[in-house]
Structures are given as structure tokens and as C-alpha cells.
Amino acid sequence: MLTARDIYERVSAHLLTQRAVSEDDNGSCRLRSSDGRKCAIGSLIADDVYRPDIEGVGISYYKNARDGSLLRALYASNVNAYDPEIAELLIELEEVHDDFGVDEWPQLLARLAERHAFV
């Protein structure tokens, strides 16, 4: 399984390289969009594990849920979202992608790294 640091580094590199939100035509965030973009969580899901039916429910939904297709897809991709600490990190990364402008991502990701002692 990926460590919290591995997850942070992978998602940060992805978001800062992509520099665009993954969303549908209505502006709703998507794990994977039709133009090939991936959100923070979508970037962690292996291509052979991803299925369109896992779209529609963000990782924050699983803060109180014990299981679901998104958690299973992440686990199959070596991300243990069943671990509360990993789940909390995933929620924070999802919020960076979903709730803030692309220009804010570098600073937000840097602060997230500091909070989690990744730097």
C-alpha cells in the first residue's frame, strides 16, 4: 500500500502538472473527465480498476461510510482509504482540487505538506 507521503507526492505532482480541474460539461468534478483529466482521487485509481460507475460520490462521503465502490477501487489501486488517516488526507486533497482555483493549488499543497510533516 502507498504511504501517506507517497499519496501526497503522487497527487501533488499530478495536479501541478495537469493544472486543470477534472469536470463534466456541467462543471461537476469528476474522477476522470471526458477530456482525459483526472481529479486528485481519480489520479490514484489504476486504469484497469477505474469504471464509470464509481463516479458521482466524492471521497468525503466515505468519512462516515464503511465501504463502497470508490473505496474498493482505491484499495485495488494500493491506496488504503479504509485507514482513517489516509482517508483524511484524501479528503484534503480532494478539497484542493474541487474547492479552489488552480492558481491556489501550489500554496495549498505546500501547506498540506507542512501540516502532515511531509517536508
N, C-alpha and C. Protein backbone atom coordinates (compact mmCIF):
# COMPACT_ATOMS: atom_id res chain seq x y z
N MET A 1 0.84 -1.20 0.00
CA MET A 1 0.00 0.00 0.00
C MET A 1 0.87 1.25 0.00
N LEU A 2 0.37 2.27 -0.68
CA LEU A 2 1.08 3.55 -0.71
C LEU A 2 1.02 4.20 0.67
N THR A 3 2.10 4.86 1.05
CA THR A 3 2.11 5.61 2.30
C THR A 3 1.42 6.95 2.07
N ALA A 4 1.13 7.64 3.16
CA ALA A 4 0.53 8.97 3.05
C ALA A 4 1.43 9.90 2.23
N ARG A 5 2.73 9.84 2.48
CA ARG A 5 3.68 10.67 1.72
C ARG A 5 3.63 10.31 0.23
N ASP A 6 3.61 9.02 -0.08
CA ASP A 6 3.52 8.59 -1.49
C ASP A 6 2.28 9.16 -2.16
N ILE A 7 1.16 9.08 -1.45
CA ILE A 7 -0.11 9.58 -1.98
C ILE A 7 -0.03 11.08 -2.23
N TYR A 8 0.46 11.81 -1.24
CA TYR A 8 0.60 13.26 -1.37
C TYR A 8 1.48 13.60 -2.57
N GLU A 9 2.63 12.95 -2.66
CA GLU A 9 3.57 13.27 -3.73
C GLU A 9 2.98 12.95 -5.11
N ARG A 10 2.29 11.82 -5.21
CA ARG A 10 1.71 11.44 -6.49
C ARG A 10 0.61 12.42 -6.90
N VAL A 11 -0.28 12.73 -5.98
CA VAL A 11 -1.39 13.64 -6.29
C VAL A 11 -0.87 15.06 -6.57
N SER A 12 0.06 15.53 -5.75
CA SER A 12 0.61 16.86 -5.97
C SER A 12 1.25 16.98 -7.34
N ALA A 13 2.08 16.01 -7.69
CA ALA A 13 2.74 16.03 -9.00
C ALA A 13 1.70 16.02 -10.12
N HIS A 14 0.67 15.20 -9.95
CA HIS A 14 -0.37 15.14 -10.97
C HIS A 14 -1.09 16.48 -11.12
N LEU A 15 -1.57 17.04 -10.01
CA LEU A 15 -2.33 18.28 -10.09
C LEU A 15 -1.49 19.43 -10.62
N LEU A 16 -0.24 19.52 -10.17
CA LEU A 16 0.60 20.64 -10.59
C LEU A 16 1.07 20.50 -12.03
N THR A 17 1.06 19.29 -12.56
CA THR A 17 1.37 19.07 -13.97
C THR A 17 0.14 19.32 -14.84
N GLN A 18 -1.00 18.78 -14.41
CA GLN A 18 -2.23 18.92 -15.19
C GLN A 18 -2.72 20.36 -15.21
N ARG A 19 -2.65 21.03 -14.06
CA ARG A 19 -3.06 22.43 -13.92
C ARG A 19 -4.44 22.73 -14.49
N ALA A 20 -5.36 21.81 -14.25
CA ALA A 20 -6.74 21.99 -14.71
C ALA A 20 -7.64 21.07 -13.90
N VAL A 21 -8.87 21.51 -13.71
CA VAL A 21 -9.85 20.73 -12.96
C VAL A 21 -10.43 19.65 -13.86
N SER A 22 -10.67 18.50 -13.28
CA SER A 22 -11.37 17.42 -13.98
C SER A 22 -12.85 17.56 -13.68
N GLU A 23 -13.62 17.91 -14.72
CA GLU A 23 -15.05 18.15 -14.52
C GLU A 23 -15.83 17.75 -15.77
N ASP A 24 -17.15 17.60 -15.57
CA ASP A 24 -18.01 17.28 -16.70
C ASP A 24 -18.50 18.57 -17.36
N ASP A 25 -19.37 18.43 -18.34
CA ASP A 25 -19.87 19.60 -19.08
C ASP A 25 -20.70 20.53 -18.21
N ASN A 26 -21.20 20.04 -17.09
CA ASN A 26 -21.99 20.86 -16.17
C ASN A 26 -21.15 21.53 -15.10
N GLY A 27 -19.84 21.28 -15.11
CA GLY A 27 -18.94 21.88 -14.12
C GLY A 27 -18.83 21.08 -12.84
N SER A 28 -19.36 19.86 -12.82
CA SER A 28 -19.24 18.99 -11.64
C SER A 28 -17.92 18.25 -11.70
N CYS A 29 -17.22 18.19 -10.57
CA CYS A 29 -15.94 17.49 -10.53
C CYS A 29 -16.15 16.01 -10.80
N ARG A 30 -15.21 15.44 -11.54
CA ARG A 30 -15.25 14.03 -11.93
C ARG A 30 -13.91 13.39 -11.60
N LEU A 31 -13.94 12.12 -11.24
CA LEU A 31 -12.71 11.37 -11.05
C LEU A 31 -11.89 11.43 -12.34
N ARG A 32 -12.59 11.19 -13.44
CA ARG A 32 -11.98 11.27 -14.77
C ARG A 32 -12.96 11.95 -15.71
N SER A 33 -12.48 12.94 -16.41
CA SER A 33 -13.37 13.67 -17.32
C SER A 33 -13.23 13.12 -18.74
N SER A 34 -14.16 13.51 -19.59
CA SER A 34 -14.17 13.03 -20.97
C SER A 34 -12.95 13.49 -21.76
N ASP A 35 -12.29 14.56 -21.29
CA ASP A 35 -11.10 15.05 -21.98
C ASP A 35 -9.81 14.47 -21.44
N GLY A 36 -9.93 13.45 -20.57
CA GLY A 36 -8.75 12.75 -20.06
C GLY A 36 -8.17 13.29 -18.77
N ARG A 37 -8.74 14.34 -18.24
CA ARG A 37 -8.25 14.87 -16.97
C ARG A 37 -8.67 13.96 -15.82
N LYS A 38 -7.90 14.05 -14.72
CA LYS A 38 -8.20 13.27 -13.52
C LYS A 38 -8.16 14.21 -12.32
N CYS A 39 -9.07 14.00 -11.39
CA CYS A 39 -9.04 14.78 -10.16
C CYS A 39 -7.98 14.18 -9.22
N ALA A 40 -7.87 14.75 -8.04
CA ALA A 40 -6.89 14.26 -7.06
C ALA A 40 -7.09 12.78 -6.78
N ILE A 41 -8.31 12.37 -6.54
CA ILE A 41 -8.60 10.97 -6.21
C ILE A 41 -8.52 10.10 -7.47
N GLY A 42 -9.05 10.60 -8.56
CA GLY A 42 -9.01 9.85 -9.82
C GLY A 42 -7.60 9.53 -10.27
N SER A 43 -6.65 10.40 -9.93
CA SER A 43 -5.26 10.16 -10.33
C SER A 43 -4.65 8.97 -9.61
N LEU A 44 -5.27 8.54 -8.52
CA LEU A 44 -4.76 7.41 -7.74
C LEU A 44 -5.35 6.08 -8.17
N ILE A 45 -6.41 6.11 -8.95
CA ILE A 45 -7.10 4.88 -9.34
C ILE A 45 -6.45 4.31 -10.60
N ALA A 46 -6.02 3.08 -10.51
CA ALA A 46 -5.36 2.42 -11.64
C ALA A 46 -6.32 2.33 -12.82
N ASP A 47 -5.78 2.45 -14.02
CA ASP A 47 -6.60 2.41 -15.23
C ASP A 47 -7.41 1.12 -15.33
N ASP A 48 -6.82 0.00 -14.94
CA ASP A 48 -7.53 -1.28 -15.06
C ASP A 48 -8.59 -1.47 -13.98
N VAL A 49 -8.63 -0.58 -13.01
CA VAL A 49 -9.61 -0.66 -11.91
C VAL A 49 -10.75 0.34 -12.13
N TYR A 50 -10.45 1.45 -12.79
CA TYR A 50 -11.46 2.51 -12.98
C TYR A 50 -12.65 2.00 -13.78
N ARG A 51 -13.84 2.39 -13.29
CA ARG A 51 -15.11 2.14 -14.01
C ARG A 51 -15.97 3.38 -13.83
N PRO A 52 -16.69 3.79 -14.87
CA PRO A 52 -17.52 5.00 -14.77
C PRO A 52 -18.55 4.96 -13.64
N ASP A 53 -18.97 3.77 -13.20
CA ASP A 53 -19.99 3.71 -12.15
C ASP A 53 -19.48 4.12 -10.77
N ILE A 54 -18.17 4.36 -10.62
CA ILE A 54 -17.68 4.85 -9.33
C ILE A 54 -17.72 6.38 -9.26
N GLU A 55 -18.11 7.01 -10.35
CA GLU A 55 -18.25 8.47 -10.37
C GLU A 55 -19.46 8.91 -9.55
N GLY A 56 -19.44 10.16 -9.14
CA GLY A 56 -20.63 10.76 -8.55
C GLY A 56 -20.62 10.93 -7.05
N VAL A 57 -19.77 10.17 -6.35
CA VAL A 57 -19.69 10.31 -4.90
C VAL A 57 -18.24 10.60 -4.54
N GLY A 58 -18.02 11.77 -3.95
CA GLY A 58 -16.65 12.15 -3.58
C GLY A 58 -16.16 11.37 -2.38
N ILE A 59 -14.86 11.40 -2.19
CA ILE A 59 -14.25 10.65 -1.09
C ILE A 59 -14.75 11.14 0.27
N SER A 60 -15.14 12.40 0.38
CA SER A 60 -15.62 12.91 1.67
C SER A 60 -16.90 12.20 2.12
N TYR A 61 -17.68 11.67 1.18
CA TYR A 61 -18.87 10.90 1.53
C TYR A 61 -18.50 9.72 2.42
N TYR A 62 -17.33 9.16 2.17
CA TYR A 62 -16.91 7.96 2.88
C TYR A 62 -16.33 8.23 4.26
N LYS A 63 -16.37 9.47 4.68
CA LYS A 63 -15.89 9.80 6.02
C LYS A 63 -16.69 9.02 7.07
N ASN A 64 -17.97 8.81 6.78
CA ASN A 64 -18.83 8.08 7.70
C ASN A 64 -19.28 6.73 7.16
N ALA A 65 -19.06 6.49 5.90
CA ALA A 65 -19.46 5.20 5.31
C ALA A 65 -18.32 4.20 5.46
N ARG A 66 -18.66 2.97 5.65
CA ARG A 66 -17.65 1.94 5.89
C ARG A 66 -17.12 1.29 4.61
N ASP A 67 -17.90 1.33 3.54
CA ASP A 67 -17.48 0.67 2.32
C ASP A 67 -18.21 1.27 1.13
N GLY A 68 -17.71 0.99 -0.03
CA GLY A 68 -18.34 1.46 -1.25
C GLY A 68 -17.41 1.24 -2.43
N SER A 69 -17.95 1.43 -3.62
CA SER A 69 -17.19 1.12 -4.83
C SER A 69 -15.93 1.98 -4.97
N LEU A 70 -15.97 3.23 -4.55
CA LEU A 70 -14.79 4.08 -4.64
C LEU A 70 -13.69 3.59 -3.69
N LEU A 71 -14.07 3.24 -2.47
CA LEU A 71 -13.07 2.72 -1.53
C LEU A 71 -12.45 1.43 -2.04
N ARG A 72 -13.26 0.57 -2.62
CA ARG A 72 -12.74 -0.69 -3.16
C ARG A 72 -11.81 -0.44 -4.35
N ALA A 73 -12.16 0.54 -5.19
CA ALA A 73 -11.30 0.86 -6.34
C ALA A 73 -9.95 1.42 -5.86
N LEU A 74 -9.99 2.27 -4.86
CA LEU A 74 -8.74 2.81 -4.31
C LEU A 74 -7.90 1.69 -3.69
N TYR A 75 -8.53 0.83 -2.93
CA TYR A 75 -7.80 -0.27 -2.30
C TYR A 75 -7.15 -1.17 -3.36
N ALA A 76 -7.87 -1.45 -4.42
CA ALA A 76 -7.33 -2.26 -5.52
C ALA A 76 -6.19 -1.54 -6.24
N SER A 77 -6.09 -0.23 -6.03
CA SER A 77 -5.03 0.59 -6.62
C SER A 77 -3.92 0.89 -5.61
N ASN A 78 -3.88 0.14 -4.52
CA ASN A 78 -2.86 0.27 -3.46
C ASN A 78 -3.00 1.52 -2.61
N VAL A 79 -4.22 2.02 -2.47
CA VAL A 79 -4.50 3.16 -1.60
C VAL A 79 -5.50 2.69 -0.56
N ASN A 80 -5.07 2.61 0.70
CA ASN A 80 -5.94 2.09 1.75
C ASN A 80 -6.82 3.21 2.32
N ALA A 81 -7.87 3.53 1.60
CA ALA A 81 -8.80 4.58 2.04
C ALA A 81 -9.64 4.14 3.23
N TYR A 82 -9.51 2.89 3.65
CA TYR A 82 -10.19 2.42 4.86
C TYR A 82 -9.45 2.90 6.11
N ASP A 83 -8.20 3.27 5.97
CA ASP A 83 -7.40 3.81 7.06
C ASP A 83 -7.84 5.26 7.30
N PRO A 84 -8.29 5.60 8.50
CA PRO A 84 -8.81 6.96 8.75
C PRO A 84 -7.81 8.07 8.43
N GLU A 85 -6.54 7.86 8.67
CA GLU A 85 -5.55 8.89 8.38
C GLU A 85 -5.39 9.09 6.87
N ILE A 86 -5.39 8.00 6.13
CA ILE A 86 -5.30 8.09 4.67
C ILE A 86 -6.57 8.74 4.13
N ALA A 87 -7.72 8.34 4.65
CA ALA A 87 -8.99 8.92 4.21
C ALA A 87 -9.01 10.43 4.43
N GLU A 88 -8.51 10.88 5.57
CA GLU A 88 -8.49 12.32 5.85
C GLU A 88 -7.58 13.05 4.88
N LEU A 89 -6.43 12.47 4.55
CA LEU A 89 -5.54 13.07 3.56
C LEU A 89 -6.22 13.14 2.20
N LEU A 90 -6.90 12.08 1.82
CA LEU A 90 -7.61 12.07 0.53
C LEU A 90 -8.68 13.15 0.48
N ILE A 91 -9.38 13.34 1.58
CA ILE A 91 -10.41 14.39 1.64
C ILE A 91 -9.77 15.76 1.45
N GLU A 92 -8.64 15.99 2.11
CA GLU A 92 -7.95 17.28 1.97
C GLU A 92 -7.49 17.50 0.53
N LEU A 93 -6.96 16.46 -0.09
CA LEU A 93 -6.50 16.57 -1.49
C LEU A 93 -7.68 16.81 -2.43
N GLU A 94 -8.79 16.13 -2.16
CA GLU A 94 -10.00 16.33 -2.96
C GLU A 94 -10.47 17.78 -2.84
N GLU A 95 -10.42 18.34 -1.64
CA GLU A 95 -10.87 19.71 -1.43
C GLU A 95 -10.00 20.71 -2.20
N VAL A 96 -8.69 20.45 -2.26
CA VAL A 96 -7.81 21.34 -3.03
C VAL A 96 -8.28 21.37 -4.48
N HIS A 97 -8.52 20.20 -5.06
CA HIS A 97 -8.95 20.11 -6.46
C HIS A 97 -10.33 20.71 -6.67
N ASP A 98 -11.28 20.35 -5.80
CA ASP A 98 -12.68 20.69 -6.02
C ASP A 98 -13.07 22.11 -5.61
N ASP A 99 -12.42 22.64 -4.59
CA ASP A 99 -12.91 23.87 -3.96
C ASP A 99 -12.07 25.12 -4.19
N PHE A 100 -10.93 24.98 -4.86
CA PHE A 100 -10.04 26.12 -5.01
C PHE A 100 -9.59 26.28 -6.46
N GLY A 101 -9.18 27.49 -6.78
CA GLY A 101 -8.68 27.76 -8.12
C GLY A 101 -7.32 27.12 -8.36
N VAL A 102 -7.05 26.80 -9.60
CA VAL A 102 -5.79 26.15 -9.98
C VAL A 102 -4.58 26.97 -9.51
N ASP A 103 -4.68 28.28 -9.57
CA ASP A 103 -3.56 29.13 -9.16
C ASP A 103 -3.27 29.03 -7.67
N GLU A 104 -4.25 28.58 -6.89
CA GLU A 104 -4.06 28.42 -5.44
C GLU A 104 -3.46 27.06 -5.07
N TRP A 105 -3.49 26.11 -5.99
CA TRP A 105 -3.04 24.75 -5.68
C TRP A 105 -1.61 24.66 -5.14
N PRO A 106 -0.63 25.34 -5.74
CA PRO A 106 0.73 25.19 -5.21
C PRO A 106 0.86 25.55 -3.73
N GLN A 107 0.27 26.69 -3.35
CA GLN A 107 0.36 27.12 -1.96
C GLN A 107 -0.42 26.17 -1.03
N LEU A 108 -1.60 25.77 -1.46
CA LEU A 108 -2.42 24.88 -0.64
C LEU A 108 -1.74 23.52 -0.45
N LEU A 109 -1.16 23.01 -1.51
CA LEU A 109 -0.46 21.72 -1.41
C LEU A 109 0.77 21.83 -0.52
N ALA A 110 1.46 22.96 -0.59
CA ALA A 110 2.63 23.18 0.28
C ALA A 110 2.21 23.22 1.74
N ARG A 111 1.12 23.91 2.04
CA ARG A 111 0.63 23.97 3.43
C ARG A 111 0.17 22.60 3.90
N LEU A 112 -0.47 21.85 3.02
CA LEU A 112 -0.91 20.50 3.36
C LEU A 112 0.32 19.64 3.71
N ALA A 113 1.37 19.76 2.93
CA ALA A 113 2.61 19.01 3.20
C ALA A 113 3.19 19.38 4.56
N GLU A 114 3.15 20.66 4.89
CA GLU A 114 3.66 21.09 6.20
C GLU A 114 2.81 20.51 7.34
N ARG A 115 1.49 20.56 7.20
CA ARG A 115 0.60 20.03 8.24
C ARG A 115 0.82 18.54 8.49
N HIS A 116 1.13 17.83 7.42
CA HIS A 116 1.31 16.38 7.52
C HIS A 116 2.80 16.01 7.70
N ALA A 117 3.66 17.02 7.84
CA ALA A 117 5.09 16.81 8.05
C ALA A 117 5.74 16.01 6.91
N PHE A 118 5.33 16.31 5.68
CA PHE A 118 5.94 15.66 4.51
C PHE A 118 7.17 16.42 4.03
N VAL A 119 7.40 17.61 4.59
CA VAL A 119 8.56 18.41 4.16
C VAL A 119 9.58 18.48 5.27
